[in-house]
Amino acid sequence: MVQHGPDFNQEEVNKLVKLLNDYRCCFAFNLGELGCTTEIQMDIVDNGQPVVCKLYRASASERETISRIVREWKDEGIVTETKSSYASPVLLVSKKNGDATLVVDYRKLNSQTVRKVFPTPNLDEHLEKLHGAKIFTILDLASGYLQVPLTEASKEKTAFTTPSESGKFERMVFGLINEPYEFSKLM
């Protein structure tokens, strides 16, 4: 259902739709279409002590789901093979809709990572800038963190193990302590 106020202007809406269609290349509908910035790279500075953690138990169906997700990440170049001395475990987490999400437990790595501080944007200041606007839309970066590359040294630190394989991330992944800092800096 579309709602609009008294100042609604169909011509402006049509211009917006045309603009979105003209820049279709900026929108990702799957992991293979994700972009990757060249503006910044995330660096993980830790104490240099490799993190090695035991695997979490997983049922046969969970192992199958984990393998499918890792295979998709590898097919898209988000994850590559590794012989890293770091090894964080993975686990499946259920989303609200029941789908499974694969996450890497980086708590041990995060505990030895040098924490960065960056000011969080002030929502009230941003809302003030919208005073008088007539059309509002929300654009969300698809897998935004996965659009930020890691430095070469950091890639090895993101190494993870599953019941059947291992890998390392080529891009920033959810769960790293400094990713909100890096993402806010990029925005």
Foldseek 3Di string as FASTA:
>chain_A
DDDFDPVDDVVVVVVVVVVCVVVVLCDDPDLLSAAADPPDADEWDFPPDAADDDEDDDDPVQLVVVVVVVVVCVVSVQKDADPFPHAFYWDWDADPVRDTDIDTACPVSQVGTDEDDDDDDDPVVVVVVCPPPRDDDDDDRDQQQSNHFHDPVVQSNQWYDHPPGIITGRTGDPNHRHSVVVSRVVD
